[in-house]
């Protein structure tokens, strides 16, 4: 069995008021294929600032988008091998 490892870097930016958090998830495969996704979290003005919650939400959303993109790429690759193109 071959072992592979992919590393995802997550870069998190918060505004000065902890109102908006942006996370960027970046995956570069060993073949050099780059995948990047962004997720956002916005604090409700009525809530107290807890930066960790914004970090978790934004990072989770970026990773969810990255997962969707990887699944789509796999579907495209399978379709290409079958001689078809994926619709949508």
N, C-alpha and C. Protein backbone atom coordinates (compact mmCIF):
# COMPACT_ATOMS: atom_id res chain seq x y z
N UNK A 1 0.84 -1.18 0.00
CA UNK A 1 0.00 0.00 0.00
C UNK A 1 0.89 1.25 0.00
N UNK A 2 0.57 2.19 -0.88
CA UNK A 2 1.32 3.44 -0.94
C UNK A 2 0.74 4.44 0.05
N UNK A 3 1.61 5.15 0.70
CA UNK A 3 1.19 6.19 1.64
C UNK A 3 1.40 7.55 0.99
N UNK A 4 0.39 8.39 1.06
CA UNK A 4 0.48 9.77 0.56
C UNK A 4 0.04 10.71 1.67
N UNK A 5 0.58 11.89 1.62
CA UNK A 5 0.18 12.90 2.60
C UNK A 5 -0.02 14.23 1.89
N UNK A 6 -1.15 14.83 2.12
CA UNK A 6 -1.43 16.18 1.64
C UNK A 6 -1.55 17.09 2.85
N UNK A 7 -1.01 18.26 2.74
CA UNK A 7 -1.08 19.23 3.82
C UNK A 7 -1.88 20.43 3.34
N UNK A 8 -2.85 20.83 4.15
CA UNK A 8 -3.66 22.00 3.86
C UNK A 8 -3.20 23.12 4.79
N UNK A 9 -2.88 24.26 4.22
CA UNK A 9 -2.56 25.43 5.02
C UNK A 9 -3.81 26.28 5.13
N UNK A 10 -4.09 26.76 6.33
CA UNK A 10 -5.23 27.65 6.54
C UNK A 10 -4.69 28.97 7.07
N UNK A 11 -4.97 30.01 6.33
CA UNK A 11 -4.54 31.36 6.69
C UNK A 11 -5.78 32.13 7.15
N UNK A 12 -5.73 32.68 8.35
CA UNK A 12 -6.89 33.35 8.93
C UNK A 12 -6.59 34.83 9.14
N UNK A 13 -7.51 35.66 8.66
CA UNK A 13 -7.42 37.11 8.84
C UNK A 13 -8.66 37.59 9.56
N UNK A 14 -8.46 38.39 10.61
CA UNK A 14 -9.58 38.98 11.34
C UNK A 14 -9.48 40.49 11.22
N UNK A 15 -10.64 41.15 11.11
CA UNK A 15 -10.59 42.60 11.10
C UNK A 15 -10.30 43.09 12.52
N UNK A 16 -10.03 44.38 12.65
CA UNK A 16 -9.62 44.93 13.94
C UNK A 16 -10.70 44.85 15.01
N UNK A 17 -11.96 44.77 14.62
CA UNK A 17 -13.06 44.73 15.58
C UNK A 17 -13.55 43.32 15.86
N UNK A 18 -12.93 42.31 15.28
CA UNK A 18 -13.37 40.92 15.39
C UNK A 18 -14.79 40.73 14.87
N UNK A 19 -15.17 41.54 13.89
CA UNK A 19 -16.50 41.43 13.28
C UNK A 19 -16.50 40.48 12.09
N UNK A 20 -15.41 40.43 11.35
CA UNK A 20 -15.33 39.62 10.13
C UNK A 20 -14.04 38.81 10.15
N UNK A 21 -14.17 37.53 9.86
CA UNK A 21 -13.02 36.64 9.78
C UNK A 21 -13.01 36.00 8.41
N UNK A 22 -11.83 35.95 7.80
CA UNK A 22 -11.65 35.34 6.49
C UNK A 22 -10.61 34.24 6.63
N UNK A 23 -10.93 33.05 6.15
CA UNK A 23 -9.97 31.95 6.15
C UNK A 23 -9.74 31.50 4.72
N UNK A 24 -8.48 31.27 4.40
CA UNK A 24 -8.10 30.77 3.07
C UNK A 24 -7.42 29.42 3.27
N UNK A 25 -7.99 28.39 2.67
CA UNK A 25 -7.42 27.04 2.74
C UNK A 25 -6.71 26.75 1.43
N UNK A 26 -5.47 26.34 1.52
CA UNK A 26 -4.65 26.09 0.33
C UNK A 26 -4.08 24.68 0.40
N UNK A 27 -4.29 23.94 -0.68
CA UNK A 27 -3.73 22.60 -0.83
C UNK A 27 -2.95 22.57 -2.12
N UNK A 28 -1.71 22.15 -2.05
CA UNK A 28 -0.89 21.93 -3.24
C UNK A 28 -0.47 20.47 -3.22
N UNK A 29 -0.92 19.72 -4.22
CA UNK A 29 -0.60 18.29 -4.27
C UNK A 29 0.85 18.09 -4.68
N UNK A 30 1.33 16.88 -4.54
CA UNK A 30 2.71 16.58 -4.91
C UNK A 30 2.97 16.79 -6.39
N UNK A 31 1.91 16.73 -7.20
CA UNK A 31 2.06 16.96 -8.64
C UNK A 31 2.02 18.45 -8.97
N UNK A 32 1.84 19.29 -7.96
CA UNK A 32 1.83 20.73 -8.16
C UNK A 32 0.46 21.32 -8.42
N UNK A 33 -0.57 20.50 -8.36
CA UNK A 33 -1.93 21.00 -8.56
C UNK A 33 -2.35 21.81 -7.33
N UNK A 34 -2.77 23.03 -7.55
CA UNK A 34 -3.12 23.94 -6.46
C UNK A 34 -4.63 24.05 -6.34
N UNK A 35 -5.10 23.94 -5.12
CA UNK A 35 -6.52 24.11 -4.80
C UNK A 35 -6.60 25.17 -3.71
N UNK A 36 -7.53 26.10 -3.87
CA UNK A 36 -7.66 27.18 -2.88
C UNK A 36 -9.13 27.50 -2.69
N UNK A 37 -9.51 27.71 -1.45
CA UNK A 37 -10.89 28.06 -1.12
C UNK A 37 -10.88 29.11 -0.01
N UNK A 38 -11.96 29.86 0.06
CA UNK A 38 -12.09 30.91 1.06
C UNK A 38 -13.41 30.73 1.80
N UNK A 39 -13.39 30.99 3.09
CA UNK A 39 -14.59 30.97 3.91
C UNK A 39 -14.63 32.20 4.78
N UNK A 40 -15.83 32.66 5.08
CA UNK A 40 -16.01 33.87 5.89
C UNK A 40 -16.89 33.58 7.09
N UNK A 41 -16.69 34.37 8.14
CA UNK A 41 -17.58 34.35 9.30
C UNK A 41 -17.77 35.80 9.72
N UNK A 42 -19.00 36.15 10.00
CA UNK A 42 -19.31 37.51 10.45
C UNK A 42 -20.02 37.42 11.80
N UNK A 43 -19.52 38.20 12.76
CA UNK A 43 -20.10 38.20 14.09
C UNK A 43 -21.35 39.06 14.13
N UNK A 44 -22.37 38.55 14.74
CA UNK A 44 -23.58 39.32 14.97
C UNK A 44 -23.22 40.45 15.93
N UNK A 45 -23.57 41.70 15.61
CA UNK A 45 -23.21 42.82 16.49
C UNK A 45 -23.73 42.66 17.93
N UNK A 46 -24.78 41.86 18.12
CA UNK A 46 -25.32 41.66 19.47
C UNK A 46 -24.50 40.65 20.28
N UNK A 47 -23.63 39.87 19.60
CA UNK A 47 -22.82 38.87 20.30
C UNK A 47 -21.51 39.47 20.78
N UNK A 48 -21.00 38.91 21.87
CA UNK A 48 -19.69 39.38 22.34
C UNK A 48 -18.60 38.80 21.44
N UNK A 49 -17.48 39.49 21.29
CA UNK A 49 -16.42 38.99 20.41
C UNK A 49 -15.69 37.79 21.03
N UNK A 50 -15.73 36.67 20.31
CA UNK A 50 -14.97 35.48 20.67
C UNK A 50 -14.26 35.05 19.39
N UNK A 51 -13.03 35.53 19.18
CA UNK A 51 -12.34 35.30 17.90
C UNK A 51 -12.24 33.83 17.50
N UNK A 52 -12.11 32.92 18.45
CA UNK A 52 -11.97 31.50 18.12
C UNK A 52 -13.19 30.97 17.35
N UNK A 53 -14.37 31.47 17.69
CA UNK A 53 -15.58 31.02 17.01
C UNK A 53 -15.54 31.45 15.55
N UNK A 54 -15.17 32.69 15.29
CA UNK A 54 -15.04 33.16 13.92
C UNK A 54 -13.99 32.38 13.14
N UNK A 55 -12.87 32.07 13.82
CA UNK A 55 -11.81 31.28 13.18
C UNK A 55 -12.34 29.91 12.77
N UNK A 56 -13.05 29.25 13.69
CA UNK A 56 -13.58 27.91 13.43
C UNK A 56 -14.60 27.92 12.30
N UNK A 57 -15.51 28.90 12.33
CA UNK A 57 -16.53 28.97 11.28
C UNK A 57 -15.92 29.26 9.92
N UNK A 58 -15.05 30.26 9.86
CA UNK A 58 -14.43 30.62 8.57
C UNK A 58 -13.57 29.47 8.04
N UNK A 59 -12.78 28.84 8.90
CA UNK A 59 -11.93 27.73 8.46
C UNK A 59 -12.79 26.54 8.03
N UNK A 60 -13.83 26.25 8.78
CA UNK A 60 -14.73 25.15 8.41
C UNK A 60 -15.38 25.39 7.07
N UNK A 61 -15.80 26.62 6.83
CA UNK A 61 -16.43 26.94 5.54
C UNK A 61 -15.43 26.87 4.40
N UNK A 62 -14.20 27.31 4.63
CA UNK A 62 -13.16 27.20 3.60
C UNK A 62 -12.86 25.73 3.30
N UNK A 63 -12.79 24.91 4.34
CA UNK A 63 -12.51 23.48 4.13
C UNK A 63 -13.68 22.78 3.44
N UNK A 64 -14.90 23.17 3.79
CA UNK A 64 -16.07 22.58 3.12
C UNK A 64 -16.06 22.91 1.63
N UNK A 65 -15.72 24.16 1.30
CA UNK A 65 -15.64 24.55 -0.10
C UNK A 65 -14.51 23.80 -0.80
N UNK A 66 -13.38 23.63 -0.11
CA UNK A 66 -12.26 22.88 -0.68
C UNK A 66 -12.68 21.44 -0.95
N UNK A 67 -13.41 20.84 -0.01
CA UNK A 67 -13.90 19.47 -0.21
C UNK A 67 -14.81 19.39 -1.43
N UNK A 68 -15.69 20.36 -1.60
CA UNK A 68 -16.57 20.38 -2.78
C UNK A 68 -15.76 20.48 -4.07
N UNK A 69 -14.74 21.32 -4.06
CA UNK A 69 -13.91 21.48 -5.26
C UNK A 69 -13.15 20.19 -5.58
N UNK A 70 -12.61 19.54 -4.55
CA UNK A 70 -11.88 18.29 -4.78
C UNK A 70 -12.81 17.21 -5.31
N UNK A 71 -14.02 17.13 -4.76
CA UNK A 71 -15.00 16.16 -5.24
C UNK A 71 -15.37 16.44 -6.69
N UNK A 72 -15.54 17.72 -7.02
CA UNK A 72 -15.82 18.10 -8.40
C UNK A 72 -14.68 17.76 -9.34
N UNK A 73 -13.46 18.00 -8.89
CA UNK A 73 -12.29 17.65 -9.70
C UNK A 73 -12.23 16.15 -9.96
N UNK A 74 -12.52 15.37 -8.93
CA UNK A 74 -12.52 13.92 -9.09
C UNK A 74 -13.59 13.49 -10.08
N UNK A 75 -14.77 14.09 -10.00
CA UNK A 75 -15.84 13.76 -10.95
C UNK A 75 -15.43 14.13 -12.37
N UNK A 76 -14.78 15.28 -12.53
CA UNK A 76 -14.29 15.68 -13.86
C UNK A 76 -13.26 14.69 -14.39
N UNK A 77 -12.35 14.26 -13.51
CA UNK A 77 -11.32 13.30 -13.92
C UNK A 77 -11.93 11.97 -14.34
N UNK A 78 -12.91 11.49 -13.57
CA UNK A 78 -13.58 10.24 -13.91
C UNK A 78 -14.31 10.38 -15.25
N UNK A 79 -15.01 11.51 -15.44
CA UNK A 79 -15.73 11.73 -16.69
C UNK A 79 -14.77 11.81 -17.87
N UNK A 80 -13.63 12.46 -17.65
CA UNK A 80 -12.65 12.57 -18.73
C UNK A 80 -12.10 11.19 -19.10
N UNK A 81 -11.84 10.37 -18.11
CA UNK A 81 -11.36 9.02 -18.39
C UNK A 81 -12.42 8.18 -19.11
N UNK A 82 -13.68 8.49 -18.85
CA UNK A 82 -14.77 7.77 -19.51
C UNK A 82 -15.12 8.39 -20.86
N UNK A 83 -14.42 9.49 -21.21
CA UNK A 83 -14.66 10.14 -22.50
C UNK A 83 -15.87 11.05 -22.52
N UNK A 84 -16.25 11.53 -21.35
CA UNK A 84 -17.41 12.43 -21.25
C UNK A 84 -16.98 13.67 -20.49
N UNK A 85 -17.77 14.71 -20.59
CA UNK A 85 -17.55 15.90 -19.78
C UNK A 85 -18.70 16.05 -18.81
N UNK A 86 -18.40 16.50 -17.61
CA UNK A 86 -19.41 16.66 -16.56
C UNK A 86 -20.22 17.91 -16.85
N UNK A 87 -21.52 17.83 -16.66
CA UNK A 87 -22.41 18.97 -16.86
C UNK A 87 -22.53 19.74 -15.56
N UNK A 88 -22.59 21.08 -15.65
CA UNK A 88 -22.85 21.90 -14.46
C UNK A 88 -21.62 22.34 -13.85
